[in-house]
Amino acid sequence: MFTKVGEAAAQATNDNGGAQESPIVTFKSGTTYKVGVKSVNDVAEYYGYGIYKKVNTFVPKNPAERNARGFIESNPSVWDRAADLLYTDAKKAEETGASEADVKPIRDEAYLFRGKKRYLRAFFDLATGKDIVVDLSPKQETQIKAVIEKYAKKLGKVAFELGKTGQSTNAAVSLSPVLDMDEDLTDAERVNFEKLGAAPFDLESFETCLYVADEAEQVKNLVIAGFDIARLGLSIGAAPVITAEPEVTDVKPIPDGEVPQLHF
C-alpha cells in the first residue's frame, strides 16, 4: 500500500521533486542537437508495439521472452498472439490457393501487430548540459554507432551535431563531428562540453523513457487498432479492469514509430 514507510518516508521530504525526469526528447525530422558522446555503450534495445496514428508506441508490462535472434520463445503478449493468428490466416489462405494479391494484405496486417526492434541512444546535450535520449530504428542505430566507434578514442575532445531528415520509413539520421569547436559552438556550449566527462550516463534512466501498458490496456489498444479480440477469446468486459491511472513510467510517450526487456 505504501511506497515509503518510517525513516525512508521521513527522508523523502528532502528529495528535490517527485519522479525522476525522463531524458527522452522529441526527435522529429528537421531536429538538430549539438551533443557530446560519453560512451558507445550508452544504448538500450527494446521491442515496441503500436500503429501509426492509431495506437502510440508502448512496451508490454510483461514482455515476451525472446532468444538472441529476437524470436519469441514464451510468454507472448496479446499483440504477439494477434500477429501470430493473422500470419496463420495468411498461411492457410496461401495453402488453399489464394493469390499473392489476396495473401499480402493479411501479412501486412499481421506485421502491424508485431513488436518491432528499436533502440534508445543517449547523448549529452550541449545546449542544456543534460543527458538526452533519442529513439532510433535498427538502421539508424547502426549508422550512429559506426560514427561513434570511428571517433571512439576522441569522444572527450570532439563534439557532434545530431540531426534527422525525411519522414516515416524514409527518415534518416546523421551524426557529424563539429569541425571547429571554437567557431561552431557557443560559449555556453563549450562550457557544457567541458562537463562531458563529469559523470557517466545512468543506464537505469532508460526505463523512464518508455510507455508501459498492462494487458488490459493492450487489449483495449487492439480494439482501437481494429482487431477482433473475440478471435483470441477476449472481450473488454472480461479483461482486467483498466484503472484511471495505469501503471506506467511517469514520462511522455515516445513519438509514434516502430517498440522485451531493456538489454543493457
Protein backbone atom coordinates (compact mmCIF):
# COMPACT_ATOMS: atom_id res chain seq x y z
CA MET A 1 0.00 0.00 0.00
CA PHE A 2 2.83 2.41 0.78
CA THR A 3 5.81 3.43 -1.30
CA LYS A 4 7.86 4.51 1.74
CA VAL A 5 7.47 3.88 5.47
CA GLY A 6 9.26 5.17 8.57
CA GLU A 7 12.70 6.69 8.09
CA ALA A 8 12.52 6.33 4.32
CA ALA A 9 9.28 8.33 4.28
CA ALA A 10 10.73 10.97 6.57
CA GLN A 11 13.75 11.38 4.33
CA ALA A 12 11.58 11.57 1.23
CA THR A 13 10.63 15.17 2.02
CA ASN A 14 14.26 16.10 1.45
CA ASP A 15 14.09 14.98 -2.17
CA ASN A 16 14.17 17.64 -4.87
CA GLY A 17 10.93 16.96 -6.68
CA GLY A 18 8.97 13.82 -7.40
CA ALA A 19 9.52 11.21 -10.06
CA GLN A 20 12.76 11.04 -11.97
CA GLU A 21 12.82 13.29 -15.00
CA SER A 22 12.99 11.30 -18.20
CA PRO A 23 15.85 12.16 -20.60
CA ILE A 24 13.82 11.18 -23.69
CA VAL A 25 13.46 14.04 -26.18
CA THR A 26 11.47 14.61 -29.34
CA PHE A 27 13.50 13.72 -32.42
CA LYS A 28 11.37 14.75 -35.39
CA SER A 29 12.51 15.46 -38.91
CA GLY A 30 14.34 18.77 -39.05
CA THR A 31 15.57 18.47 -35.47
CA THR A 32 19.25 19.04 -34.69
CA TYR A 33 21.18 18.82 -31.44
CA LYS A 34 24.79 19.69 -30.69
CA VAL A 35 25.93 16.88 -28.44
CA GLY A 36 28.77 15.12 -26.74
CA VAL A 37 29.06 11.32 -26.59
CA LYS A 38 30.03 9.73 -23.29
CA SER A 39 30.28 6.12 -24.46
CA VAL A 40 29.48 3.88 -27.41
CA ASN A 41 27.68 1.63 -24.89
CA ASP A 42 25.06 4.20 -23.84
CA VAL A 43 22.31 2.36 -25.70
CA ALA A 44 19.36 0.06 -24.97
CA GLU A 45 17.39 -2.31 -27.21
CA TYR A 46 13.67 -2.89 -26.89
CA TYR A 47 10.64 -4.15 -28.85
CA GLY A 48 7.82 -1.68 -29.24
CA TYR A 49 4.21 -2.11 -30.31
CA GLY A 50 1.84 0.39 -31.86
CA ILE A 51 0.18 1.50 -35.08
CA TYR A 52 0.86 4.88 -36.61
CA LYS A 53 -1.93 7.41 -35.94
CA LYS A 54 -3.99 4.77 -34.08
CA VAL A 55 -2.03 3.46 -31.09
CA ASN A 56 1.01 5.21 -29.66
CA THR A 57 4.09 3.08 -29.15
CA PHE A 58 4.18 1.05 -25.93
CA VAL A 59 6.02 -1.86 -24.35
CA PRO A 60 4.15 -4.67 -22.56
CA LYS A 61 4.37 -4.72 -18.78
CA ASN A 62 5.23 -8.42 -19.04
CA PRO A 63 7.14 -8.69 -22.33
CA ALA A 64 7.63 -11.88 -24.29
CA GLU A 65 10.76 -13.96 -23.76
CA ARG A 66 12.91 -13.78 -26.89
CA ASN A 67 16.01 -15.63 -27.99
CA ALA A 68 19.22 -13.99 -29.18
CA ARG A 69 17.75 -13.62 -32.68
CA GLY A 70 14.65 -11.85 -31.38
CA PHE A 71 12.22 -14.71 -31.91
CA ILE A 72 9.58 -15.20 -29.22
CA GLU A 73 10.08 -18.39 -27.20
CA SER A 74 7.47 -17.92 -24.45
CA ASN A 75 5.07 -15.50 -22.77
CA PRO A 76 3.73 -13.77 -25.92
CA SER A 77 1.74 -10.61 -25.34
CA VAL A 78 -1.82 -10.31 -26.66
CA TRP A 79 -0.41 -8.27 -29.55
CA ASP A 80 2.02 -11.08 -30.36
CA ARG A 81 -0.86 -13.53 -30.32
CA ALA A 82 -2.89 -11.31 -32.64
CA ALA A 83 0.03 -11.13 -35.09
CA ASP A 84 0.51 -14.91 -34.99
CA LEU A 85 -3.16 -15.51 -35.66
CA LEU A 86 -3.08 -13.25 -38.73
CA TYR A 87 0.11 -14.87 -40.02
CA THR A 88 -1.67 -18.23 -39.65
CA ASP A 89 -4.59 -16.82 -41.65
CA ALA A 90 -2.16 -15.80 -44.40
CA LYS A 91 -0.53 -19.23 -44.46
CA LYS A 92 -3.88 -21.03 -44.65
CA ALA A 93 -5.02 -18.75 -47.46
CA GLU A 94 -1.82 -19.42 -49.36
CA GLU A 95 -2.13 -23.19 -48.86
CA THR A 96 -5.69 -23.16 -50.20
CA GLY A 97 -4.64 -21.45 -53.41
CA ALA A 98 -5.25 -17.77 -52.69
CA SER A 99 -3.34 -15.36 -54.91
CA GLU A 100 -0.43 -13.29 -53.62
CA ALA A 101 -2.62 -10.21 -54.08
CA ASP A 102 -5.08 -11.71 -51.57
CA VAL A 103 -2.47 -13.03 -49.14
CA LYS A 104 -0.26 -9.93 -48.94
CA PRO A 105 -2.86 -7.68 -47.19
CA ILE A 106 -3.23 -10.31 -44.45
CA ARG A 107 0.55 -10.49 -43.95
CA ASP A 108 0.76 -6.70 -43.93
CA GLU A 109 -1.92 -6.51 -41.24
CA ALA A 110 -0.12 -9.15 -39.17
CA TYR A 111 3.09 -7.11 -39.38
CA LEU A 112 1.33 -4.11 -37.85
CA PHE A 113 0.76 -6.03 -34.60
CA ARG A 114 4.29 -7.42 -34.29
CA GLY A 115 6.80 -5.98 -31.86
CA LYS A 116 9.45 -4.01 -33.74
CA LYS A 117 13.04 -3.76 -32.57
CA ARG A 118 14.06 -0.22 -31.59
CA TYR A 119 16.96 1.44 -29.82
CA LEU A 120 17.34 4.19 -27.25
CA ARG A 121 20.65 6.04 -27.62
CA ALA A 122 21.97 8.55 -25.06
CA PHE A 123 23.86 11.78 -25.76
CA PHE A 124 24.94 14.83 -23.75
CA ASP A 125 23.07 17.92 -24.92
CA LEU A 126 25.48 20.87 -25.10
CA ALA A 127 22.66 23.41 -25.06
CA THR A 128 21.31 22.28 -21.68
CA GLY A 129 24.26 20.44 -20.13
CA LYS A 130 22.00 17.43 -19.57
CA ASP A 131 21.85 13.86 -20.85
CA ILE A 132 19.22 13.24 -23.52
CA VAL A 133 17.90 10.07 -25.17
CA VAL A 134 16.59 9.66 -28.71
CA ASP A 135 14.64 6.77 -30.20
CA LEU A 136 16.14 5.09 -33.27
CA SER A 137 15.35 2.35 -35.75
CA PRO A 138 17.88 -0.50 -36.09
CA LYS A 139 19.23 1.01 -39.32
CA GLN A 140 19.59 4.45 -37.73
CA GLU A 141 21.35 2.99 -34.66
CA THR A 142 23.78 1.12 -36.90
CA GLN A 143 24.67 4.34 -38.68
CA ILE A 144 25.07 6.35 -35.48
CA LYS A 145 27.12 3.65 -33.75
CA ALA A 146 29.50 3.47 -36.71
CA VAL A 147 30.31 7.17 -36.35
CA ILE A 148 30.77 6.90 -32.59
CA GLU A 149 33.10 3.92 -33.00
CA LYS A 150 35.12 5.82 -35.60
CA TYR A 151 35.79 8.59 -33.06
CA ALA A 152 35.86 6.30 -30.00
CA LYS A 153 39.32 7.46 -28.88
CA LYS A 154 38.41 11.13 -29.25
CA LEU A 155 34.98 11.31 -27.62
CA GLY A 156 36.26 13.58 -24.88
CA LYS A 157 37.66 16.01 -27.44
CA VAL A 158 35.05 16.07 -30.21
CA ALA A 159 31.53 17.48 -30.20
CA PHE A 160 28.93 16.30 -32.72
CA GLU A 161 25.82 17.52 -34.47
CA LEU A 162 22.95 15.05 -34.35
CA GLY A 163 20.22 15.53 -36.92
CA LYS A 164 17.22 13.94 -38.58
CA THR A 165 15.70 14.47 -42.03
CA GLY A 166 12.92 12.83 -44.05
CA GLN A 167 9.64 11.30 -42.97
CA SER A 168 8.35 7.89 -41.86
CA THR A 169 10.30 5.00 -43.39
CA ASN A 170 12.45 7.49 -45.32
CA ALA A 171 13.66 9.23 -42.18
CA ALA A 172 17.45 9.39 -41.94
CA VAL A 173 19.67 10.40 -39.04
CA SER A 174 23.20 11.75 -39.05
CA LEU A 175 25.96 12.31 -36.52
CA SER A 176 28.73 14.59 -37.73
CA PRO A 177 31.76 15.90 -35.84
CA VAL A 178 31.91 19.63 -35.22
CA LEU A 179 34.97 20.65 -37.21
CA ASP A 180 35.77 23.90 -35.40
CA MET A 181 34.54 23.85 -31.82
CA ASP A 182 35.81 27.38 -31.15
CA GLU A 183 33.90 28.73 -34.14
CA ASP A 184 30.85 26.45 -34.30
CA LEU A 185 29.94 26.19 -30.59
CA THR A 186 28.60 29.00 -28.45
CA ASP A 187 30.37 29.98 -25.24
CA ALA A 188 27.69 28.14 -23.22
CA GLU A 189 28.03 25.01 -25.36
CA ARG A 190 31.80 24.98 -24.90
CA VAL A 191 31.36 25.32 -21.14
CA ASN A 192 28.93 22.41 -21.12
CA PHE A 193 31.24 20.30 -23.27
CA GLU A 194 33.85 20.58 -20.52
CA LYS A 195 31.32 18.83 -18.23
CA LEU A 196 31.00 15.83 -20.58
CA GLY A 197 33.18 13.51 -18.51
CA ALA A 198 31.86 14.63 -15.12
CA ALA A 199 29.51 11.66 -14.74
CA PRO A 200 28.66 8.58 -16.84
CA PHE A 201 25.20 8.20 -18.29
CA ASP A 202 22.82 6.46 -15.86
CA LEU A 203 21.69 3.37 -17.77
CA GLU A 204 18.75 2.86 -15.40
CA SER A 205 17.20 6.10 -16.66
CA PHE A 206 16.39 4.29 -19.94
CA GLU A 207 13.50 2.70 -18.06
CA THR A 208 11.83 6.12 -17.70
CA CYS A 209 11.76 6.58 -21.48
CA LEU A 210 9.13 4.02 -22.47
CA TYR A 211 5.35 3.85 -22.05
CA VAL A 212 4.42 0.58 -20.32
CA ALA A 213 0.98 -0.96 -20.88
CA ASP A 214 -0.54 -3.76 -18.81
CA GLU A 215 -2.55 -6.49 -20.53
CA ALA A 216 -5.89 -4.74 -20.04
CA GLU A 217 -4.63 -1.66 -21.84
CA GLN A 218 -3.07 -3.80 -24.58
CA VAL A 219 -6.45 -5.45 -25.19
CA LYS A 220 -8.10 -2.03 -25.35
CA ASN A 221 -5.45 -0.92 -27.84
CA LEU A 222 -6.17 -3.96 -30.02
CA VAL A 223 -9.78 -2.83 -30.25
CA ILE A 224 -8.70 0.71 -31.13
CA ALA A 225 -6.46 -0.76 -33.84
CA GLY A 226 -9.44 -2.61 -35.34
CA PHE A 227 -8.57 -6.18 -34.32
CA ASP A 228 -11.39 -8.58 -33.40
CA ILE A 229 -10.30 -9.59 -29.89
CA ALA A 230 -13.02 -12.29 -29.78
CA ARG A 231 -10.72 -14.31 -32.05
CA LEU A 232 -8.33 -14.51 -29.08
CA GLY A 233 -11.13 -15.42 -26.68
CA LEU A 234 -11.05 -11.94 -25.18
CA SER A 235 -13.54 -9.18 -24.58
CA ILE A 236 -13.26 -5.78 -22.96
CA GLY A 237 -15.79 -6.77 -20.34
CA ALA A 238 -13.85 -9.92 -19.44
CA ALA A 239 -10.46 -8.23 -19.43
CA PRO A 240 -8.98 -6.90 -16.18
CA VAL A 241 -10.36 -3.52 -15.21
CA ILE A 242 -8.31 -0.62 -16.54
CA THR A 243 -7.73 1.82 -13.69
CA ALA A 244 -7.88 5.56 -14.11
CA GLU A 245 -4.12 5.75 -13.79
CA PRO A 246 -2.43 2.73 -15.43
CA GLU A 247 0.91 1.63 -14.07
CA VAL A 248 3.31 3.38 -16.41
CA THR A 249 6.50 5.35 -16.16
CA ASP A 250 5.89 9.00 -15.45
CA VAL A 251 7.06 10.26 -18.83
CA LYS A 252 5.59 11.34 -22.08
CA PRO A 253 5.25 8.53 -24.63
CA ILE A 254 7.95 8.39 -27.24
CA PRO A 255 6.93 9.62 -30.70
CA ASP A 256 4.97 7.35 -32.98
CA GLY A 257 7.22 4.78 -34.55
CA GLU A 258 8.21 1.21 -34.60
CA VAL A 259 8.66 -0.83 -29.71
CA PRO A 260 11.19 -7.29 -24.24
CA GLN A 261 13.04 -6.06 -21.54
CA LEU A 262 15.73 -3.48 -21.98
CA HIS A 263 19.12 -5.06 -22.59
CA PHE A 264 22.00 -3.07 -21.19
